[in-house]
PDB file of N, CA and C in Angstrom:
ATOM      1  N   UNK A   1       0.611  -1.331  -0.183  1.00  0.00           N
ATOM      2  CA  UNK A   1       0.042   0.125   0.041  1.00  0.00           C
ATOM      3  C   UNK A   1       0.951   1.212   0.033  1.00  0.00           C
ATOM      4  N   UNK A   2       2.078   1.427   0.935  1.00  0.00           N
ATOM      5  CA  UNK A   2       2.583   2.488   1.028  1.00  0.00           C
ATOM      6  C   UNK A   2       3.530   2.700  -0.217  1.00  0.00           C
ATOM      7  N   UNK A   3       3.903   1.858  -1.023  1.00  0.00           N
ATOM      8  CA  UNK A   3       4.706   1.872  -2.251  1.00  0.00           C
ATOM      9  C   UNK A   3       3.591   2.377  -3.269  1.00  0.00           C
ATOM     10  N   UNK A   4       2.287   1.913  -3.274  1.00  0.00           N
ATOM     11  CA  UNK A   4       1.404   2.592  -4.067  1.00  0.00           C
ATOM     12  C   UNK A   4       1.016   3.969  -3.948  1.00  0.00           C
ATOM     13  N   UNK A   5       1.072   4.484  -2.635  1.00  0.00           N
ATOM     14  CA  UNK A   5       0.889   5.877  -2.299  1.00  0.00           C
ATOM     15  C   UNK A   5       2.065   6.426  -2.696  1.00  0.00           C
ATOM     16  N   UNK A   6       3.154   6.093  -2.621  1.00  0.00           N
ATOM     17  CA  UNK A   6       4.529   6.774  -3.057  1.00  0.00           C
ATOM     18  C   UNK A   6       4.407   6.729  -4.788  1.00  0.00           C
ATOM     19  N   UNK A   7       3.970   6.102  -5.406  1.00  0.00           N
ATOM     20  CA  UNK A   7       4.028   6.077  -6.599  1.00  0.00           C
ATOM     21  C   UNK A   7       2.922   7.031  -7.111  1.00  0.00           C
ATOM     22  N   UNK A   8       1.834   6.909  -6.682  1.00  0.00           N
ATOM     23  CA  UNK A   8       0.618   7.989  -7.206  1.00  0.00           C
ATOM     24  C   UNK A   8       1.205   9.353  -6.856  1.00  0.00           C
ATOM     25  N   UNK A   9       1.744   9.678  -5.785  1.00  0.00           N
ATOM     26  CA  UNK A   9       2.168  11.037  -5.466  1.00  0.00           C
ATOM     27  C   UNK A   9       3.359  11.224  -6.439  1.00  0.00           C
ATOM     28  N   UNK A  10       4.403  10.506  -6.815  1.00  0.00           N
ATOM     29  CA  UNK A  10       5.443  10.794  -7.582  1.00  0.00           C
ATOM     30  C   UNK A  10       5.174  10.844  -8.640  1.00  0.00           C
ATOM     31  N   UNK A  11       4.402  10.166  -9.329  1.00  0.00           N
ATOM     32  CA  UNK A  11       3.921  10.293 -11.042  1.00  0.00           C
ATOM     33  C   UNK A  11       2.738  11.118 -11.102  1.00  0.00           C
ATOM     34  N   UNK A  12       1.985  11.716 -10.130  1.00  0.00           N
ATOM     35  CA  UNK A  12       0.925  12.748 -10.411  1.00  0.00           C
ATOM     36  C   UNK A  12      -0.330  11.839 -10.792  1.00  0.00           C
ATOM     37  N   UNK A  13      -0.621  10.840 -10.214  1.00  0.00           N
ATOM     38  CA  UNK A  13      -1.741   9.727 -10.438  1.00  0.00           C
ATOM     39  C   UNK A  13      -2.870  10.318  -9.514  1.00  0.00           C
ATOM     40  N   UNK A  14      -4.070   9.995 -10.153  1.00  0.00           N
ATOM     41  CA  UNK A  14      -5.142  10.501  -9.187  1.00  0.00           C
ATOM     42  C   UNK A  14      -6.136   9.056  -8.251  1.00  0.00           C
ATOM     43  N   UNK A  15      -5.342   7.788  -8.864  1.00  0.00           N
ATOM     44  CA  UNK A  15      -5.655   6.552  -8.536  1.00  0.00           C
ATOM     45  C   UNK A  15      -4.780   5.800  -8.331  1.00  0.00           C
ATOM     46  N   UNK A  16      -4.744   4.511  -7.678  1.00  0.00           N
ATOM     47  CA  UNK A  16      -3.769   3.404  -7.823  1.00  0.00           C
ATOM     48  C   UNK A  16      -4.539   1.855  -7.636  1.00  0.00           C
ATOM     49  N   UNK A  17      -3.857   0.960  -7.957  1.00  0.00           N
ATOM     50  CA  UNK A  17      -4.410  -0.378  -7.572  1.00  0.00           C
ATOM     51  C   UNK A  17      -3.392  -1.376  -6.975  1.00  0.00           C
ATOM     52  N   UNK A  18      -3.837  -2.133  -6.183  1.00  0.00           N
ATOM     53  CA  UNK A  18      -3.436  -3.182  -5.778  1.00  0.00           C
ATOM     54  C   UNK A  18      -3.666  -4.430  -5.810  1.00  0.00           C
ATOM     55  N   UNK A  19      -2.893  -5.692  -6.283  1.00  0.00           N
ATOM     56  CA  UNK A  19      -3.062  -6.831  -6.608  1.00  0.00           C
ATOM     57  C   UNK A  19      -2.661  -7.883  -5.748  1.00  0.00           C
ATOM     58  N   UNK A  20      -3.339  -8.448  -4.939  1.00  0.00           N
ATOM     59  CA  UNK A  20      -2.343  -9.747  -4.074  1.00  0.00           C
ATOM     60  C   UNK A  20      -3.219 -11.177  -4.360  1.00  0.00           C
ATOM     61  N   UNK A  21      -2.307 -12.255  -3.854  1.00  0.00           N
ATOM     62  CA  UNK A  21      -2.722 -13.405  -4.036  1.00  0.00           C
ATOM     63  C   UNK A  21      -3.169 -13.821  -2.646  1.00  0.00           C
ATOM     64  N   UNK A  22      -3.132 -12.830  -1.625  1.00  0.00           N
ATOM     65  CA  UNK A  22      -3.756 -13.092  -0.464  1.00  0.00           C
ATOM     66  C   UNK A  22      -4.916 -12.154   0.009  1.00  0.00           C
ATOM     67  N   UNK A  23      -4.878 -11.682   1.198  1.00  0.00           N
ATOM     68  CA  UNK A  23      -5.831 -11.191   1.637  1.00  0.00           C
ATOM     69  C   UNK A  23      -5.452  -9.422   2.107  1.00  0.00           C
ATOM     70  N   UNK A  24      -5.973  -8.634   2.386  1.00  0.00           N
ATOM     71  CA  UNK A  24      -5.613  -7.208   3.080  1.00  0.00           C
ATOM     72  C   UNK A  24      -6.070  -7.190   4.465  1.00  0.00           C
ATOM     73  N   UNK A  25      -5.118  -6.332   5.260  1.00  0.00           N
ATOM     74  CA  UNK A  25      -5.629  -6.026   6.623  1.00  0.00           C
ATOM     75  C   UNK A  25      -6.775  -4.726   6.539  1.00  0.00           C
ATOM     76  N   UNK A  26      -7.350  -4.810   7.548  1.00  0.00           N
ATOM     77  CA  UNK A  26      -8.242  -3.973   7.771  1.00  0.00           C
ATOM     78  C   UNK A  26      -7.545  -2.599   7.731  1.00  0.00           C
ATOM     79  N   UNK A  27      -6.619  -2.447   8.112  1.00  0.00           N
ATOM     80  CA  UNK A  27      -5.555  -1.198   8.043  1.00  0.00           C
ATOM     81  C   UNK A  27      -5.512  -0.807   6.416  1.00  0.00           C
ATOM     82  N   UNK A  28      -4.967  -1.620   5.632  1.00  0.00           N
ATOM     83  CA  UNK A  28      -4.859  -1.409   4.371  1.00  0.00           C
ATOM     84  C   UNK A  28      -6.104  -0.936   3.703  1.00  0.00           C
ATOM     85  N   UNK A  29      -7.277  -1.921   3.941  1.00  0.00           N
ATOM     86  CA  UNK A  29      -8.382  -1.445   3.390  1.00  0.00           C
ATOM     87  C   UNK A  29      -8.966   0.202   3.726  1.00  0.00           C
ATOM     88  N   UNK A  30      -8.791   0.239   5.108  1.00  0.00           N
ATOM     89  CA  UNK A  30      -9.115   1.719   5.452  1.00  0.00           C
ATOM     90  C   UNK A  30      -8.312   2.891   4.772  1.00  0.00           C
ATOM     91  N   UNK A  31      -7.313   2.543   4.434  1.00  0.00           N
ATOM     92  CA  UNK A  31      -6.081   3.467   3.744  1.00  0.00           C
ATOM     93  C   UNK A  31      -6.390   3.455   2.204  1.00  0.00           C
ATOM     94  N   UNK A  32      -6.960   2.374   1.841  1.00  0.00           N
ATOM     95  CA  UNK A  32      -7.184   2.292   0.225  1.00  0.00           C
ATOM     96  C   UNK A  32      -8.257   3.047   0.013  1.00  0.00           C
ATOM     97  N   UNK A  33      -9.524   3.051   0.897  1.00  0.00           N
ATOM     98  CA  UNK A  33     -10.438   3.898   0.965  1.00  0.00           C
ATOM     99  C   UNK A  33     -10.248   5.577   0.782  1.00  0.00           C
ATOM    100  N   UNK A  34      -9.420   5.770   1.893  1.00  0.00           N
ATOM    101  CA  UNK A  34      -8.950   7.286   1.728  1.00  0.00           C
ATOM    102  C   UNK A  34      -8.181   7.802   1.109  1.00  0.00           C
ATOM    103  N   UNK A  35      -7.212   6.863   0.449  1.00  0.00           N
ATOM    104  CA  UNK A  35      -6.376   7.347  -0.748  1.00  0.00           C
ATOM    105  C   UNK A  35      -6.832   6.905  -2.417  1.00  0.00           C
ATOM    106  N   UNK A  36      -7.896   6.365  -2.404  1.00  0.00           N
ATOM    107  CA  UNK A  36      -8.306   6.160  -3.760  1.00  0.00           C
ATOM    108  C   UNK A  36      -7.436   5.045  -4.371  1.00  0.00           C
ATOM    109  N   UNK A  37      -7.309   3.814  -3.585  1.00  0.00           N
ATOM    110  CA  UNK A  37      -6.626   2.930  -3.886  1.00  0.00           C
ATOM    111  C   UNK A  37      -7.544   1.509  -4.157  1.00  0.00           C
ATOM    112  N   UNK A  38      -7.609   0.944  -5.410  1.00  0.00           N
ATOM    113  CA  UNK A  38      -8.527  -0.204  -5.325  1.00  0.00           C
ATOM    114  C   UNK A  38      -7.667  -1.126  -5.048  1.00  0.00           C
ATOM    115  N   UNK A  39      -8.451  -2.279  -4.273  1.00  0.00           N
ATOM    116  CA  UNK A  39      -7.447  -3.591  -3.779  1.00  0.00           C
ATOM    117  C   UNK A  39      -8.348  -4.619  -4.425  1.00  0.00           C
ATOM    118  N   UNK A  40      -7.488  -5.508  -4.992  1.00  0.00           N
ATOM    119  CA  UNK A  40      -7.990  -7.002  -5.587  1.00  0.00           C
ATOM    120  C   UNK A  40      -7.550  -8.168  -4.715  1.00  0.00           C
ATOM    121  N   UNK A  41      -8.202  -8.576  -4.220  1.00  0.00           N
ATOM    122  CA  UNK A  41      -7.441  -9.875  -3.217  1.00  0.00           C
ATOM    123  C   UNK A  41      -7.383 -10.956  -3.952  1.00  0.00           C
ATOM    124  N   UNK A  42      -6.759 -12.195  -3.482  1.00  0.00           N
ATOM    125  CA  UNK A  42      -6.572 -13.354  -3.756  1.00  0.00           C
ATOM    126  C   UNK A  42      -7.789 -14.127  -4.631  1.00  0.00           C
ATOM    127  N   UNK A  43      -8.888 -13.944  -3.907  1.00  0.00           N
ATOM    128  CA  UNK A  43     -10.314 -14.500  -4.495  1.00  0.00           C
ATOM    129  C   UNK A  43     -10.742 -13.907  -5.681  1.00  0.00           C
ATOM    130  N   UNK A  44     -10.564 -12.362  -6.065  1.00  0.00           N
ATOM    131  CA  UNK A  44     -10.506 -11.984  -7.544  1.00  0.00           C
ATOM    132  C   UNK A  44      -9.916 -12.575  -8.155  1.00  0.00           C
ATOM    133  N   UNK A  45      -8.510 -12.852  -7.750  1.00  0.00           N
ATOM    134  CA  UNK A  45      -7.282 -13.210  -8.616  1.00  0.00           C
ATOM    135  C   UNK A  45      -7.672 -14.505  -9.164  1.00  0.00           C
ATOM    136  N   UNK A  46      -7.983 -15.313  -8.445  1.00  0.00           N
ATOM    137  CA  UNK A  46      -8.219 -16.608  -8.798  1.00  0.00           C
ATOM    138  C   UNK A  46      -9.711 -16.583  -9.824  1.00  0.00           C
ATOM    139  N   UNK A  47     -10.469 -15.628  -9.429  1.00  0.00           N
ATOM    140  CA  UNK A  47     -11.704 -15.845 -10.364  1.00  0.00           C
ATOM    141  C   UNK A  47     -11.288 -15.336 -11.876  1.00  0.00           C
ATOM    142  N   UNK A  48     -10.610 -14.612 -11.965  1.00  0.00           N
ATOM    143  CA  UNK A  48      -9.734 -13.739 -13.267  1.00  0.00           C
ATOM    144  C   UNK A  48      -8.891 -15.202 -14.229  1.00  0.00           C
ATOM    145  N   UNK A  49      -8.026 -15.707 -13.250  1.00  0.00           N
ATOM    146  CA  UNK A  49      -7.296 -16.678 -13.656  1.00  0.00           C
ATOM    147  C   UNK A  49      -8.349 -17.718 -14.206  1.00  0.00           C
ATOM    148  N   UNK A  50      -9.446 -17.977 -13.740  1.00  0.00           N
ATOM    149  CA  UNK A  50     -10.344 -18.998 -14.101  1.00  0.00           C
ATOM    150  C   UNK A  50     -11.130 -18.613 -15.439  1.00  0.00           C
ATOM    151  N   UNK A  51     -11.527 -17.261 -15.485  1.00  0.00           N
ATOM    152  CA  UNK A  51     -12.115 -16.971 -16.388  1.00  0.00           C
ATOM    153  C   UNK A  51     -10.985 -16.854 -17.919  1.00  0.00           C
ATOM    154  N   UNK A  52      -9.917 -16.783 -17.706  1.00  0.00           N
ATOM    155  CA  UNK A  52      -8.771 -16.539 -18.751  1.00  0.00           C
ATOM    156  C   UNK A  52      -8.131 -17.996 -18.982  1.00  0.00           C
ATOM    157  N   UNK A  53      -8.310 -18.776 -18.179  1.00  0.00           N
ATOM    158  CA  UNK A  53      -7.763 -20.383 -18.700  1.00  0.00           C
ATOM    159  C   UNK A  53      -8.858 -21.327 -18.310  1.00  0.00           C
ATOM    160  N   UNK A  54      -9.083 -22.276 -19.088  1.00  0.00           N
ATOM    161  CA  UNK A  54      -9.640 -23.727 -19.136  1.00  0.00           C
ATOM    162  C   UNK A  54      -9.331 -24.143 -17.525  1.00  0.00           C
ATOM    163  N   UNK A  55     -10.581 -24.695 -17.083  1.00  0.00           N
ATOM    164  CA  UNK A  55     -10.040 -25.450 -15.638  1.00  0.00           C
ATOM    165  C   UNK A  55      -9.387 -26.853 -16.018  1.00  0.00           C
ATOM    166  N   UNK A  56      -9.420 -27.324 -17.503  1.00  0.00           N
ATOM    167  CA  UNK A  56      -8.833 -28.675 -17.890  1.00  0.00           C
ATOM    168  C   UNK A  56      -8.216 -28.325 -19.186  1.00  0.00           C
ATOM    169  N   UNK A  57      -7.120 -28.876 -19.411  1.00  0.00           N
ATOM    170  CA  UNK A  57      -6.233 -28.803 -20.502  1.00  0.00           C
ATOM    171  C   UNK A  57      -7.115 -29.934 -21.372  1.00  0.00           C
ATOM    172  N   UNK A  58      -7.411 -29.511 -22.681  1.00  0.00           N
ATOM    173  CA  UNK A  58      -7.869 -30.691 -23.392  1.00  0.00           C
ATOM    174  C   UNK A  58      -6.830 -31.647 -23.747  1.00  0.00           C
ATOM    175  N   UNK A  59      -7.406 -32.908 -24.190  1.00  0.00           N
ATOM    176  CA  UNK A  59      -6.541 -33.812 -24.516  1.00  0.00           C
ATOM    177  C   UNK A  59      -5.653 -33.381 -26.022  1.00  0.00           C
ATOM    178  N   UNK A  60      -4.555 -33.664 -26.165  1.00  0.00           N
ATOM    179  CA  UNK A  60      -4.028 -33.231 -27.361  1.00  0.00           C
ATOM    180  C   UNK A  60      -4.456 -34.423 -28.431  1.00  0.00           C
ATOM    181  N   UNK A  61      -4.688 -33.898 -29.857  1.00  0.00           N
ATOM    182  CA  UNK A  61      -5.193 -34.624 -30.944  1.00  0.00           C
ATOM    183  C   UNK A  61      -4.413 -34.529 -31.930  1.00  0.00           C
ATOM    184  N   UNK A  62      -3.325 -35.409 -32.143  1.00  0.00           N
ATOM    185  CA  UNK A  62      -2.430 -34.870 -33.382  1.00  0.00           C
ATOM    186  C   UNK A  62      -3.351 -34.681 -34.831  1.00  0.00           C
ATOM    187  N   UNK A  63      -4.458 -35.705 -35.247  1.00  0.00           N
ATOM    188  CA  UNK A  63      -5.197 -35.363 -36.198  1.00  0.00           C
ATOM    189  C   UNK A  63      -5.654 -33.929 -36.528  1.00  0.00           C
ATOM    190  N   UNK A  64      -6.335 -33.379 -35.290  1.00  0.00           N
ATOM    191  CA  UNK A  64      -6.899 -32.141 -35.165  1.00  0.00           C
ATOM    192  C   UNK A  64      -5.778 -31.002 -35.457  1.00  0.00           C
ATOM    193  N   UNK A  65      -4.564 -31.138 -34.854  1.00  0.00           N
ATOM    194  CA  UNK A  65      -3.637 -30.268 -35.183  1.00  0.00           C
ATOM    195  C   UNK A  65      -3.030 -30.576 -36.496  1.00  0.00           C
ATOM    196  N   UNK A  66      -3.095 -31.478 -37.278  1.00  0.00           N
ATOM    197  CA  UNK A  66      -2.264 -31.628 -38.606  1.00  0.00           C
ATOM    198  C   UNK A  66      -3.625 -30.949 -39.489  1.00  0.00           C
ATOM    199  N   UNK A  67      -4.704 -31.153 -39.248  1.00  0.00           N
ATOM    200  CA  UNK A  67      -5.670 -30.607 -40.104  1.00  0.00           C
ATOM    201  C   UNK A  67      -5.497 -28.919 -39.957  1.00  0.00           C
ATOM    202  N   UNK A  68      -5.215 -28.187 -38.957  1.00  0.00           N
ATOM    203  CA  UNK A  68      -4.914 -26.783 -38.683  1.00  0.00           C
ATOM    204  C   UNK A  68      -3.874 -26.098 -39.125  1.00  0.00           C
ATOM    205  N   UNK A  69      -2.618 -27.202 -39.849  1.00  0.00           N
ATOM    206  CA  UNK A  69      -1.670 -26.464 -40.008  1.00  0.00           C
ATOM    207  C   UNK A  69      -1.914 -25.780 -41.797  1.00  0.00           C
TER     208      UNK A  69
END
């Protein structure tokens, strides 16, 4: 949080964001509200990954692969 706040000030931004694979403390959430910083936690990150990548990798098929060449 502190690094983002420093970067906002240094680069003259109006807002920032922090993404973690974990959770945020109450203090971080409070500071983010006051400083206009968006917080995205591990649950959000997992949802985004599942949207972008299939839950299972399809079985490889040489015939289908060769047809697409």
